[in-house]
């Protein structure tokens, strides 16, 4: 899968997903650091990447209608979670899900579960 990781996630998440053989870019490695959401999202779409973020603004189905993008994954875990715990949740999720389920969907990952909005 082609994935873009938002700057509000650990940089090490890139390596976790690379280990799972995904094509991963991190916003921190681009000239988009600190840019507005719409510019980062447009970049993800221009490269046909699934976008992973902690920003709940991307859960807005009126602004990001399901079926009109490559997929948005929102990680909704308590802020006190350490990097290792965050990366383990992401690793487990990507080992379980297929690209077909992500494409065009908004997925919210929470403690021990995830929801898919199509």
PDB file of N, CA and C in Angstrom:
ATOM      1  N   UNK A   1       0.835  -1.185   0.000  1.00  0.00           N
ATOM      2  CA  UNK A   1       0.000   0.000   0.000  1.00  0.00           C
ATOM      3  C   UNK A   1       0.875   1.243   0.000  1.00  0.00           C
ATOM      4  N   UNK A   2       0.390   2.286  -0.603  1.00  0.00           N
ATOM      5  CA  UNK A   2       1.065   3.581  -0.579  1.00  0.00           C
ATOM      6  C   UNK A   2       0.442   4.399   0.552  1.00  0.00           C
ATOM      7  N   UNK A   3       1.272   4.882   1.457  1.00  0.00           N
ATOM      8  CA  UNK A   3       0.792   5.521   2.681  1.00  0.00           C
ATOM      9  C   UNK A   3       1.533   6.827   2.921  1.00  0.00           C
ATOM     10  N   UNK A   4       0.805   7.841   3.425  1.00  0.00           N
ATOM     11  CA  UNK A   4       1.397   9.080   3.906  1.00  0.00           C
ATOM     12  C   UNK A   4       1.072   9.209   5.387  1.00  0.00           C
ATOM     13  N   UNK A   5       2.110   9.405   6.202  1.00  0.00           N
ATOM     14  CA  UNK A   5       1.938   9.540   7.648  1.00  0.00           C
ATOM     15  C   UNK A   5       1.989  11.014   8.015  1.00  0.00           C
ATOM     16  N   UNK A   6       0.998  11.475   8.744  1.00  0.00           N
ATOM     17  CA  UNK A   6       0.939  12.869   9.177  1.00  0.00           C
ATOM     18  C   UNK A   6       2.041  13.140  10.207  1.00  0.00           C
ATOM     19  N   UNK A   7       2.389  14.410  10.350  1.00  0.00           N
ATOM     20  CA  UNK A   7       3.469  14.776  11.265  1.00  0.00           C
ATOM     21  C   UNK A   7       3.087  14.630  12.738  1.00  0.00           C
ATOM     22  N   UNK A   8       1.813  14.358  13.043  1.00  0.00           N
ATOM     23  CA  UNK A   8       1.398  14.180  14.434  1.00  0.00           C
ATOM     24  C   UNK A   8       1.523  12.729  14.909  1.00  0.00           C
ATOM     25  N   UNK A   9       2.155  11.902  14.108  1.00  0.00           N
ATOM     26  CA  UNK A   9       2.441  10.515  14.484  1.00  0.00           C
ATOM     27  C   UNK A   9       3.950  10.333  14.608  1.00  0.00           C
ATOM     28  N   UNK A  10       4.374   9.327  15.374  1.00  0.00           N
ATOM     29  CA  UNK A  10       5.817   9.116  15.545  1.00  0.00           C
ATOM     30  C   UNK A  10       6.515   8.851  14.214  1.00  0.00           C
ATOM     31  N   UNK A  11       7.719   9.368  14.076  1.00  0.00           N
ATOM     32  CA  UNK A  11       8.501   9.137  12.862  1.00  0.00           C
ATOM     33  C   UNK A  11       8.783   7.651  12.676  1.00  0.00           C
ATOM     34  N   UNK A  12       8.912   6.929  13.785  1.00  0.00           N
ATOM     35  CA  UNK A  12       9.214   5.493  13.719  1.00  0.00           C
ATOM     36  C   UNK A  12       8.083   4.687  13.086  1.00  0.00           C
ATOM     37  N   UNK A  13       6.892   5.248  13.011  1.00  0.00           N
ATOM     38  CA  UNK A  13       5.768   4.558  12.365  1.00  0.00           C
ATOM     39  C   UNK A  13       6.107   4.259  10.905  1.00  0.00           C
ATOM     40  N   UNK A  14       6.857   5.140  10.285  1.00  0.00           N
ATOM     41  CA  UNK A  14       7.291   4.928   8.902  1.00  0.00           C
ATOM     42  C   UNK A  14       8.058   3.605   8.772  1.00  0.00           C
ATOM     43  N   UNK A  15       8.939   3.339   9.709  1.00  0.00           N
ATOM     44  CA  UNK A  15       9.753   2.121   9.652  1.00  0.00           C
ATOM     45  C   UNK A  15       8.935   0.868   9.955  1.00  0.00           C
ATOM     46  N   UNK A  16       7.966   0.994  10.852  1.00  0.00           N
ATOM     47  CA  UNK A  16       7.062  -0.123  11.157  1.00  0.00           C
ATOM     48  C   UNK A  16       6.316  -0.533   9.888  1.00  0.00           C
ATOM     49  N   UNK A  17       5.792   0.439   9.171  1.00  0.00           N
ATOM     50  CA  UNK A  17       5.033   0.144   7.952  1.00  0.00           C
ATOM     51  C   UNK A  17       5.949  -0.298   6.808  1.00  0.00           C
ATOM     52  N   UNK A  18       7.159   0.226   6.767  1.00  0.00           N
ATOM     53  CA  UNK A  18       8.137  -0.251   5.772  1.00  0.00           C
ATOM     54  C   UNK A  18       8.448  -1.724   5.994  1.00  0.00           C
ATOM     55  N   UNK A  19       8.554  -2.139   7.243  1.00  0.00           N
ATOM     56  CA  UNK A  19       8.807  -3.551   7.561  1.00  0.00           C
ATOM     57  C   UNK A  19       7.697  -4.450   7.039  1.00  0.00           C
ATOM     58  N   UNK A  20       6.489  -3.906   6.957  1.00  0.00           N
ATOM     59  CA  UNK A  20       5.351  -4.657   6.420  1.00  0.00           C
ATOM     60  C   UNK A  20       5.269  -4.530   4.896  1.00  0.00           C
ATOM     61  N   UNK A  21       6.318  -3.959   4.311  1.00  0.00           N
ATOM     62  CA  UNK A  21       6.470  -3.848   2.860  1.00  0.00           C
ATOM     63  C   UNK A  21       5.503  -2.870   2.189  1.00  0.00           C
ATOM     64  N   UNK A  22       5.184  -1.792   2.911  1.00  0.00           N
ATOM     65  CA  UNK A  22       4.370  -0.732   2.326  1.00  0.00           C
ATOM     66  C   UNK A  22       5.282   0.383   1.821  1.00  0.00           C
ATOM     67  N   UNK A  23       4.788   1.138   0.860  1.00  0.00           N
ATOM     68  CA  UNK A  23       5.486   2.304   0.306  1.00  0.00           C
ATOM     69  C   UNK A  23       5.043   3.497   1.155  1.00  0.00           C
ATOM     70  N   UNK A  24       5.935   3.950   2.046  1.00  0.00           N
ATOM     71  CA  UNK A  24       5.540   4.930   3.062  1.00  0.00           C
ATOM     72  C   UNK A  24       6.328   6.224   2.929  1.00  0.00           C
ATOM     73  N   UNK A  25       5.603   7.330   3.035  1.00  0.00           N
ATOM     74  CA  UNK A  25       6.210   8.660   3.141  1.00  0.00           C
ATOM     75  C   UNK A  25       5.703   9.288   4.416  1.00  0.00           C
ATOM     76  N   UNK A  26       6.519  10.118   5.012  1.00  0.00           N
ATOM     77  CA  UNK A  26       6.145  10.848   6.218  1.00  0.00           C
ATOM     78  C   UNK A  26       6.135  12.338   5.874  1.00  0.00           C
ATOM     79  N   UNK A  27       5.146  13.056   6.353  1.00  0.00           N
ATOM     80  CA  UNK A  27       5.060  14.492   6.089  1.00  0.00           C
ATOM     81  C   UNK A  27       6.348  15.189   6.535  1.00  0.00           C
ATOM     82  N   UNK A  28       6.984  14.669   7.578  1.00  0.00           N
ATOM     83  CA  UNK A  28       8.225  15.278   8.083  1.00  0.00           C
ATOM     84  C   UNK A  28       9.355  15.230   7.049  1.00  0.00           C
ATOM     85  N   UNK A  29       9.245  14.346   6.073  1.00  0.00           N
ATOM     86  CA  UNK A  29      10.264  14.222   5.031  1.00  0.00           C
ATOM     87  C   UNK A  29       9.941  15.053   3.790  1.00  0.00           C
ATOM     88  N   UNK A  30       8.880  15.817   3.830  1.00  0.00           N
ATOM     89  CA  UNK A  30       8.463  16.611   2.677  1.00  0.00           C
ATOM     90  C   UNK A  30       8.554  18.095   3.029  1.00  0.00           C
ATOM     91  N   UNK A  31       8.221  18.934   2.071  1.00  0.00           N
ATOM     92  CA  UNK A  31       8.171  20.373   2.336  1.00  0.00           C
ATOM     93  C   UNK A  31       6.805  20.796   2.872  1.00  0.00           C
ATOM     94  N   UNK A  32       6.007  19.840   3.339  1.00  0.00           N
ATOM     95  CA  UNK A  32       4.650  20.116   3.823  1.00  0.00           C
ATOM     96  C   UNK A  32       4.565  20.285   5.334  1.00  0.00           C
ATOM     97  N   UNK A  33       5.671  20.173   6.013  1.00  0.00           N
ATOM     98  CA  UNK A  33       5.669  20.300   7.474  1.00  0.00           C
ATOM     99  C   UNK A  33       5.038  21.619   7.891  1.00  0.00           C
ATOM    100  N   UNK A  34       4.033  21.553   8.773  1.00  0.00           N
ATOM    101  CA  UNK A  34       3.366  22.752   9.259  1.00  0.00           C
ATOM    102  C   UNK A  34       2.333  23.339   8.316  1.00  0.00           C
ATOM    103  N   UNK A  35       2.109  22.698   7.180  1.00  0.00           N
ATOM    104  CA  UNK A  35       1.132  23.196   6.205  1.00  0.00           C
ATOM    105  C   UNK A  35      -0.308  22.914   6.646  1.00  0.00           C
ATOM    106  N   UNK A  36      -1.234  23.564   5.982  1.00  0.00           N
ATOM    107  CA  UNK A  36      -2.657  23.367   6.251  1.00  0.00           C
ATOM    108  C   UNK A  36      -3.078  21.952   5.857  1.00  0.00           C
ATOM    109  N   UNK A  37      -4.120  21.464   6.548  1.00  0.00           N
ATOM    110  CA  UNK A  37      -4.637  20.120   6.278  1.00  0.00           C
ATOM    111  C   UNK A  37      -4.949  19.908   4.801  1.00  0.00           C
ATOM    112  N   UNK A  38      -5.590  20.894   4.168  1.00  0.00           N
ATOM    113  CA  UNK A  38      -6.024  20.699   2.779  1.00  0.00           C
ATOM    114  C   UNK A  38      -4.839  20.504   1.842  1.00  0.00           C
ATOM    115  N   UNK A  39      -3.725  21.136   2.129  1.00  0.00           N
ATOM    116  CA  UNK A  39      -2.542  20.980   1.274  1.00  0.00           C
ATOM    117  C   UNK A  39      -1.917  19.591   1.473  1.00  0.00           C
ATOM    118  N   UNK A  40      -1.846  19.148   2.724  1.00  0.00           N
ATOM    119  CA  UNK A  40      -1.297  17.817   3.005  1.00  0.00           C
ATOM    120  C   UNK A  40      -2.193  16.745   2.394  1.00  0.00           C
ATOM    121  N   UNK A  41      -3.500  16.912   2.558  1.00  0.00           N
ATOM    122  CA  UNK A  41      -4.444  15.937   2.003  1.00  0.00           C
ATOM    123  C   UNK A  41      -4.351  15.898   0.476  1.00  0.00           C
ATOM    124  N   UNK A  42      -4.223  17.067  -0.145  1.00  0.00           N
ATOM    125  CA  UNK A  42      -4.101  17.116  -1.613  1.00  0.00           C
ATOM    126  C   UNK A  42      -2.840  16.386  -2.069  1.00  0.00           C
ATOM    127  N   UNK A  43      -1.769  16.515  -1.317  1.00  0.00           N
ATOM    128  CA  UNK A  43      -0.537  15.806  -1.645  1.00  0.00           C
ATOM    129  C   UNK A  43      -0.756  14.296  -1.577  1.00  0.00           C
ATOM    130  N   UNK A  44      -1.409  13.834  -0.501  1.00  0.00           N
ATOM    131  CA  UNK A  44      -1.695  12.403  -0.352  1.00  0.00           C
ATOM    132  C   UNK A  44      -2.508  11.905  -1.545  1.00  0.00           C
ATOM    133  N   UNK A  45      -3.476  12.679  -1.954  1.00  0.00           N
ATOM    134  CA  UNK A  45      -4.331  12.261  -3.065  1.00  0.00           C
ATOM    135  C   UNK A  45      -3.587  12.296  -4.392  1.00  0.00           C
ATOM    136  N   UNK A  46      -2.712  13.267  -4.564  1.00  0.00           N
ATOM    137  CA  UNK A  46      -1.967  13.355  -5.825  1.00  0.00           C
ATOM    138  C   UNK A  46      -1.033  12.159  -6.006  1.00  0.00           C
ATOM    139  N   UNK A  47      -0.587  11.576  -4.894  1.00  0.00           N
ATOM    140  CA  UNK A  47       0.282  10.397  -4.958  1.00  0.00           C
ATOM    141  C   UNK A  47      -0.487   9.097  -4.711  1.00  0.00           C
ATOM    142  N   UNK A  48      -1.822   9.208  -4.635  1.00  0.00           N
ATOM    143  CA  UNK A  48      -2.702   8.056  -4.407  1.00  0.00           C
ATOM    144  C   UNK A  48      -2.290   7.288  -3.151  1.00  0.00           C
ATOM    145  N   UNK A  49      -2.100   8.032  -2.068  1.00  0.00           N
ATOM    146  CA  UNK A  49      -1.683   7.437  -0.797  1.00  0.00           C
ATOM    147  C   UNK A  49      -2.827   7.437   0.206  1.00  0.00           C
ATOM    148  N   UNK A  50      -2.831   6.418   1.032  1.00  0.00           N
ATOM    149  CA  UNK A  50      -3.706   6.359   2.198  1.00  0.00           C
ATOM    150  C   UNK A  50      -3.096   7.307   3.212  1.00  0.00           C
ATOM    151  N   UNK A  51      -3.920   8.102   3.873  1.00  0.00           N
ATOM    152  CA  UNK A  51      -3.423   9.108   4.813  1.00  0.00           C
ATOM    153  C   UNK A  51      -3.710   8.660   6.242  1.00  0.00           C
ATOM    154  N   UNK A  52      -2.660   8.634   7.079  1.00  0.00           N
ATOM    155  CA  UNK A  52      -2.807   8.261   8.486  1.00  0.00           C
ATOM    156  C   UNK A  52      -2.511   9.487   9.345  1.00  0.00           C
ATOM    157  N   UNK A  53      -3.409   9.782  10.294  1.00  0.00           N
ATOM    158  CA  UNK A  53      -3.284  10.974  11.121  1.00  0.00           C
ATOM    159  C   UNK A  53      -3.918  10.762  12.489  1.00  0.00           C
ATOM    160  N   UNK A  54      -3.671  11.690  13.405  1.00  0.00           N
ATOM    161  CA  UNK A  54      -4.387  11.734  14.687  1.00  0.00           C
ATOM    162  C   UNK A  54      -5.388  12.883  14.684  1.00  0.00           C
ATOM    163  N   UNK A  55      -5.456  13.615  13.609  1.00  0.00           N
ATOM    164  CA  UNK A  55      -6.283  14.823  13.487  1.00  0.00           C
ATOM    165  C   UNK A  55      -7.739  14.437  13.208  1.00  0.00           C
ATOM    166  N   UNK A  56      -8.589  14.643  14.189  1.00  0.00           N
ATOM    167  CA  UNK A  56     -10.005  14.267  14.065  1.00  0.00           C
ATOM    168  C   UNK A  56     -10.758  15.103  13.026  1.00  0.00           C
ATOM    169  N   UNK A  57     -10.181  16.210  12.574  1.00  0.00           N
ATOM    170  CA  UNK A  57     -10.835  17.000  11.521  1.00  0.00           C
ATOM    171  C   UNK A  57     -11.046  16.165  10.258  1.00  0.00           C
ATOM    172  N   UNK A  58     -10.193  15.179  10.039  1.00  0.00           N
ATOM    173  CA  UNK A  58     -10.306  14.334   8.849  1.00  0.00           C
ATOM    174  C   UNK A  58     -11.447  13.320   8.953  1.00  0.00           C
ATOM    175  N   UNK A  59     -12.116  13.249  10.088  1.00  0.00           N
ATOM    176  CA  UNK A  59     -13.268  12.354  10.255  1.00  0.00           C
ATOM    177  C   UNK A  59     -14.552  12.987   9.720  1.00  0.00           C
ATOM    178  N   UNK A  60     -14.485  14.221   9.309  1.00  0.00           N
ATOM    179  CA  UNK A  60     -15.647  14.949   8.816  1.00  0.00           C
ATOM    180  C   UNK A  60     -16.039  14.434   7.427  1.00  0.00           C
ATOM    181  N   UNK A  61     -17.129  13.667   7.373  1.00  0.00           N
ATOM    182  CA  UNK A  61     -17.532  13.066   6.095  1.00  0.00           C
ATOM    183  C   UNK A  61     -18.098  14.093   5.112  1.00  0.00           C
ATOM    184  N   UNK A  62     -18.461  15.269   5.583  1.00  0.00           N
ATOM    185  CA  UNK A  62     -18.904  16.312   4.658  1.00  0.00           C
ATOM    186  C   UNK A  62     -17.710  16.933   3.940  1.00  0.00           C
ATOM    187  N   UNK A  63     -16.608  17.066   4.642  1.00  0.00           N
ATOM    188  CA  UNK A  63     -15.395  17.639   4.071  1.00  0.00           C
ATOM    189  C   UNK A  63     -14.588  16.605   3.289  1.00  0.00           C
ATOM    190  N   UNK A  64     -14.627  15.344   3.755  1.00  0.00           N
ATOM    191  CA  UNK A  64     -13.880  14.249   3.137  1.00  0.00           C
ATOM    192  C   UNK A  64     -14.833  13.079   2.880  1.00  0.00           C
ATOM    193  N   UNK A  65     -15.745  13.227   1.929  1.00  0.00           N
ATOM    194  CA  UNK A  65     -16.755  12.189   1.693  1.00  0.00           C
ATOM    195  C   UNK A  65     -16.133  10.835   1.339  1.00  0.00           C
ATOM    196  N   UNK A  66     -16.598   9.781   1.992  1.00  0.00           N
ATOM    197  CA  UNK A  66     -16.113   8.439   1.631  1.00  0.00           C
ATOM    198  C   UNK A  66     -16.316   8.177   0.144  1.00  0.00           C
ATOM    199  N   UNK A  67     -15.358   7.479  -0.434  1.00  0.00           N
ATOM    200  CA  UNK A  67     -15.424   7.159  -1.850  1.00  0.00           C
ATOM    201  C   UNK A  67     -14.777   8.194  -2.751  1.00  0.00           C
ATOM    202  N   UNK A  68     -14.336   9.320  -2.164  1.00  0.00           N
ATOM    203  CA  UNK A  68     -13.746  10.382  -2.985  1.00  0.00           C
ATOM    204  C   UNK A  68     -12.245  10.531  -2.772  1.00  0.00           C
ATOM    205  N   UNK A  69     -11.652   9.616  -2.041  1.00  0.00           N
ATOM    206  CA  UNK A  69     -10.223   9.713  -1.731  1.00  0.00           C
ATOM    207  C   UNK A  69      -9.631   8.313  -1.599  1.00  0.00           C
ATOM    208  N   UNK A  70      -8.337   8.275  -1.382  1.00  0.00           N
ATOM    209  CA  UNK A  70      -7.635   6.995  -1.294  1.00  0.00           C
ATOM    210  C   UNK A  70      -7.771   6.290   0.033  1.00  0.00           C
ATOM    211  N   UNK A  71      -8.364   6.949   1.009  1.00  0.00           N
ATOM    212  CA  UNK A  71      -8.546   6.376   2.334  1.00  0.00           C
ATOM    213  C   UNK A  71      -7.900   7.241   3.401  1.00  0.00           C
ATOM    214  N   UNK A  72      -8.604   7.389   4.501  1.00  0.00           N
ATOM    215  CA  UNK A  72      -8.110   8.159   5.639  1.00  0.00           C
ATOM    216  C   UNK A  72      -8.204   7.266   6.869  1.00  0.00           C
ATOM    217  N   UNK A  73      -7.104   7.178   7.593  1.00  0.00           N
ATOM    218  CA  UNK A  73      -7.079   6.418   8.840  1.00  0.00           C
ATOM    219  C   UNK A  73      -6.774   7.397   9.970  1.00  0.00           C
ATOM    220  N   UNK A  74      -7.655   7.442  10.947  1.00  0.00           N
ATOM    221  CA  UNK A  74      -7.489   8.345  12.077  1.00  0.00           C
ATOM    222  C   UNK A  74      -7.233   7.519  13.321  1.00  0.00           C
ATOM    223  N   UNK A  75      -6.111   7.771  13.930  1.00  0.00           N
ATOM    224  CA  UNK A  75      -5.730   7.067  15.143  1.00  0.00           C
ATOM    225  C   UNK A  75      -6.259   7.858  16.335  1.00  0.00           C
ATOM    226  N   UNK A  76      -7.188   7.258  17.055  1.00  0.00           N
ATOM    227  CA  UNK A  76      -7.816   7.930  18.197  1.00  0.00           C
ATOM    228  C   UNK A  76      -7.485   7.148  19.468  1.00  0.00           C
ATOM    229  N   UNK A  77      -6.279   7.351  19.923  1.00  0.00           N
ATOM    230  CA  UNK A  77      -5.806   6.709  21.142  1.00  0.00           C
ATOM    231  C   UNK A  77      -5.504   7.794  22.167  1.00  0.00           C
ATOM    232  N   UNK A  78      -5.520   7.452  23.444  1.00  0.00           N
ATOM    233  CA  UNK A  78      -5.163   8.448  24.465  1.00  0.00           C
ATOM    234  C   UNK A  78      -3.777   9.029  24.199  1.00  0.00           C
ATOM    235  N   UNK A  79      -3.617  10.316  24.432  1.00  0.00           N
ATOM    236  CA  UNK A  79      -2.356  11.003  24.149  1.00  0.00           C
ATOM    237  C   UNK A  79      -1.188  10.460  24.967  1.00  0.00           C
ATOM    238  N   UNK A  80      -1.480   9.834  26.103  1.00  0.00           N
ATOM    239  CA  UNK A  80      -0.384   9.323  26.939  1.00  0.00           C
ATOM    240  C   UNK A  80       0.205   8.009  26.434  1.00  0.00           C
ATOM    241  N   UNK A  81      -0.320   7.467  25.341  1.00  0.00           N
ATOM    242  CA  UNK A  81       0.236   6.237  24.772  1.00  0.00           C
ATOM    243  C   UNK A  81       1.657   6.502  24.297  1.00  0.00           C
ATOM    244  N   UNK A  82       2.559   5.588  24.615  1.00  0.00           N
ATOM    245  CA  UNK A  82       3.955   5.753  24.198  1.00  0.00           C
ATOM    246  C   UNK A  82       4.095   5.343  22.729  1.00  0.00           C
ATOM    247  N   UNK A  83       5.221   5.696  22.161  1.00  0.00           N
ATOM    248  CA  UNK A  83       5.491   5.426  20.747  1.00  0.00           C
ATOM    249  C   UNK A  83       5.344   3.943  20.434  1.00  0.00           C
ATOM    250  N   UNK A  84       5.885   3.093  21.278  1.00  0.00           N
ATOM    251  CA  UNK A  84       5.824   1.649  21.040  1.00  0.00           C
ATOM    252  C   UNK A  84       4.379   1.153  20.990  1.00  0.00           C
ATOM    253  N   UNK A  85       3.535   1.670  21.878  1.00  0.00           N
ATOM    254  CA  UNK A  85       2.123   1.256  21.895  1.00  0.00           C
ATOM    255  C   UNK A  85       1.402   1.735  20.638  1.00  0.00           C
ATOM    256  N   UNK A  86       1.671   2.954  20.228  1.00  0.00           N
ATOM    257  CA  UNK A  86       1.060   3.488  19.003  1.00  0.00           C
ATOM    258  C   UNK A  86       1.468   2.636  17.804  1.00  0.00           C
ATOM    259  N   UNK A  87       2.747   2.357  17.708  1.00  0.00           N
ATOM    260  CA  UNK A  87       3.238   1.572  16.573  1.00  0.00           C
ATOM    261  C   UNK A  87       2.696   0.151  16.583  1.00  0.00           C
ATOM    262  N   UNK A  88       2.492  -0.424  17.743  1.00  0.00           N
ATOM    263  CA  UNK A  88       1.949  -1.779  17.817  1.00  0.00           C
ATOM    264  C   UNK A  88       0.495  -1.802  17.336  1.00  0.00           C
ATOM    265  N   UNK A  89      -0.284  -0.795  17.708  1.00  0.00           N
ATOM    266  CA  UNK A  89      -1.674  -0.699  17.237  1.00  0.00           C
ATOM    267  C   UNK A  89      -1.690  -0.593  15.712  1.00  0.00           C
ATOM    268  N   UNK A  90      -0.828   0.247  15.166  1.00  0.00           N
ATOM    269  CA  UNK A  90      -0.770   0.421  13.711  1.00  0.00           C
ATOM    270  C   UNK A  90      -0.314  -0.863  13.033  1.00  0.00           C
ATOM    271  N   UNK A  91       0.696  -1.518  13.593  1.00  0.00           N
ATOM    272  CA  UNK A  91       1.184  -2.785  13.021  1.00  0.00           C
ATOM    273  C   UNK A  91       0.058  -3.827  12.986  1.00  0.00           C
ATOM    274  N   UNK A  92      -0.641  -4.003  14.091  1.00  0.00           N
ATOM    275  CA  UNK A  92      -1.727  -4.993  14.161  1.00  0.00           C
ATOM    276  C   UNK A  92      -2.824  -4.674  13.156  1.00  0.00           C
ATOM    277  N   UNK A  93      -3.173  -3.402  13.046  1.00  0.00           N
ATOM    278  CA  UNK A  93      -4.220  -2.995  12.113  1.00  0.00           C
ATOM    279  C   UNK A  93      -3.832  -3.354  10.677  1.00  0.00           C
ATOM    280  N   UNK A  94      -2.615  -3.010  10.275  1.00  0.00           N
ATOM    281  CA  UNK A  94      -2.190  -3.253   8.896  1.00  0.00           C
ATOM    282  C   UNK A  94      -1.920  -4.721   8.600  1.00  0.00           C
ATOM    283  N   UNK A  95      -1.716  -5.517   9.610  1.00  0.00           N
ATOM    284  CA  UNK A  95      -1.580  -6.956   9.386  1.00  0.00           C
ATOM    285  C   UNK A  95      -2.947  -7.606   9.187  1.00  0.00           C
ATOM    286  N   UNK A  96      -3.987  -6.941   9.650  1.00  0.00           N
ATOM    287  CA  UNK A  96      -5.338  -7.500   9.620  1.00  0.00           C
ATOM    288  C   UNK A  96      -6.182  -7.028   8.440  1.00  0.00           C
ATOM    289  N   UNK A  97      -5.949  -5.824   7.945  1.00  0.00           N
ATOM    290  CA  UNK A  97      -6.855  -5.216   6.968  1.00  0.00           C
ATOM    291  C   UNK A  97      -6.276  -5.291   5.553  1.00  0.00           C
ATOM    292  N   UNK A  98      -7.175  -5.224   4.577  1.00  0.00           N
ATOM    293  CA  UNK A  98      -6.746  -5.212   3.178  1.00  0.00           C
ATOM    294  C   UNK A  98      -6.870  -3.794   2.618  1.00  0.00           C
ATOM    295  N   UNK A  99      -6.143  -3.559   1.560  1.00  0.00           N
ATOM    296  CA  UNK A  99      -6.191  -2.250   0.914  1.00  0.00           C
ATOM    297  C   UNK A  99      -7.592  -1.937   0.383  1.00  0.00           C
ATOM    298  N   UNK A 100      -8.290  -2.947  -0.075  1.00  0.00           N
ATOM    299  CA  UNK A 100      -9.643  -2.748  -0.609  1.00  0.00           C
ATOM    300  C   UNK A 100     -10.591  -2.182   0.455  1.00  0.00           C
ATOM    301  N   UNK A 101     -10.407  -2.588   1.704  1.00  0.00           N
ATOM    302  CA  UNK A 101     -11.267  -2.081   2.785  1.00  0.00           C
ATOM    303  C   UNK A 101     -10.933  -0.640   3.143  1.00  0.00           C
ATOM    304  N   UNK A 102      -9.708  -0.227   2.879  1.00  0.00           N
ATOM    305  CA  UNK A 102      -9.281   1.128   3.229  1.00  0.00           C
ATOM    306  C   UNK A 102      -9.649   2.132   2.139  1.00  0.00           C
ATOM    307  N   UNK A 103      -9.472   1.745   0.877  1.00  0.00           N
ATOM    308  CA  UNK A 103      -9.685   2.666  -0.241  1.00  0.00           C
ATOM    309  C   UNK A 103     -11.052   3.343  -0.151  1.00  0.00           C
ATOM    310  N   UNK A 104     -11.025   4.665  -0.135  1.00  0.00           N
ATOM    311  CA  UNK A 104     -12.260   5.447  -0.122  1.00  0.00           C
ATOM    312  C   UNK A 104     -12.943   5.548   1.218  1.00  0.00           C
ATOM    313  N   UNK A 105     -12.436   4.870   2.231  1.00  0.00           N
ATOM    314  CA  UNK A 105     -13.094   4.850   3.542  1.00  0.00           C
ATOM    315  C   UNK A 105     -12.418   5.802   4.517  1.00  0.00           C
ATOM    316  N   UNK A 106     -13.166   6.155   5.542  1.00  0.00           N
ATOM    317  CA  UNK A 106     -12.608   6.835   6.708  1.00  0.00           C
ATOM    318  C   UNK A 106     -12.629   5.799   7.815  1.00  0.00           C
ATOM    319  N   UNK A 107     -11.465   5.508   8.356  1.00  0.00           N
ATOM    320  CA  UNK A 107     -11.346   4.478   9.396  1.00  0.00           C
ATOM    321  C   UNK A 107     -10.833   5.123  10.665  1.00  0.00           C
ATOM    322  N   UNK A 108     -11.543   4.877  11.746  1.00  0.00           N
ATOM    323  CA  UNK A 108     -11.140   5.397  13.053  1.00  0.00           C
ATOM    324  C   UNK A 108     -10.666   4.218  13.893  1.00  0.00           C
ATOM    325  N   UNK A 109      -9.404   4.274  14.293  1.00  0.00           N
ATOM    326  CA  UNK A 109      -8.830   3.231  15.140  1.00  0.00           C
ATOM    327  C   UNK A 109      -8.873   3.707  16.582  1.00  0.00           C
ATOM    328  N   UNK A 110      -9.500   2.892  17.442  1.00  0.00           N
ATOM    329  CA  UNK A 110      -9.594   3.185  18.868  1.00  0.00           C
ATOM    330  C   UNK A 110      -8.996   2.017  19.646  1.00  0.00           C
ATOM    331  N   UNK A 111      -9.044   2.102  20.959  1.00  0.00           N
ATOM    332  CA  UNK A 111      -8.540   1.027  21.813  1.00  0.00           C
ATOM    333  C   UNK A 111      -9.213  -0.294  21.457  1.00  0.00           C
ATOM    334  N   UNK A 112      -8.475  -1.237  20.912  1.00  0.00           N
ATOM    335  CA  UNK A 112      -8.971  -2.578  20.665  1.00  0.00           C
ATOM    336  C   UNK A 112      -9.996  -2.753  19.570  1.00  0.00           C
ATOM    337  N   UNK A 113     -10.250  -1.692  18.773  1.00  0.00           N
ATOM    338  CA  UNK A 113     -11.251  -1.825  17.712  1.00  0.00           C
ATOM    339  C   UNK A 113     -11.038  -0.736  16.665  1.00  0.00           C
ATOM    340  N   UNK A 114     -11.738  -0.877  15.550  1.00  0.00           N
ATOM    341  CA  UNK A 114     -11.755   0.185  14.550  1.00  0.00           C
ATOM    342  C   UNK A 114     -13.118   0.211  13.888  1.00  0.00           C
ATOM    343  N   UNK A 115     -13.467   1.395  13.364  1.00  0.00           N
ATOM    344  CA  UNK A 115     -14.734   1.591  12.666  1.00  0.00           C
ATOM    345  C   UNK A 115     -14.430   2.049  11.248  1.00  0.00           C
ATOM    346  N   UNK A 116     -15.181   1.513  10.305  1.00  0.00           N
ATOM    347  CA  UNK A 116     -15.018   1.894   8.900  1.00  0.00           C
ATOM    348  C   UNK A 116     -16.269   2.644   8.456  1.00  0.00           C
ATOM    349  N   UNK A 117     -16.041   3.840   7.930  1.00  0.00           N
ATOM    350  CA  UNK A 117     -17.157   4.631   7.383  1.00  0.00           C
ATOM    351  C   UNK A 117     -16.989   4.685   5.870  1.00  0.00           C
ATOM    352  N   UNK A 118     -18.022   4.221   5.174  1.00  0.00           N
ATOM    353  CA  UNK A 118     -17.988   4.221   3.705  1.00  0.00           C
ATOM    354  C   UNK A 118     -19.011   5.183   3.163  1.00  0.00           C
TER     355      UNK A 118
END
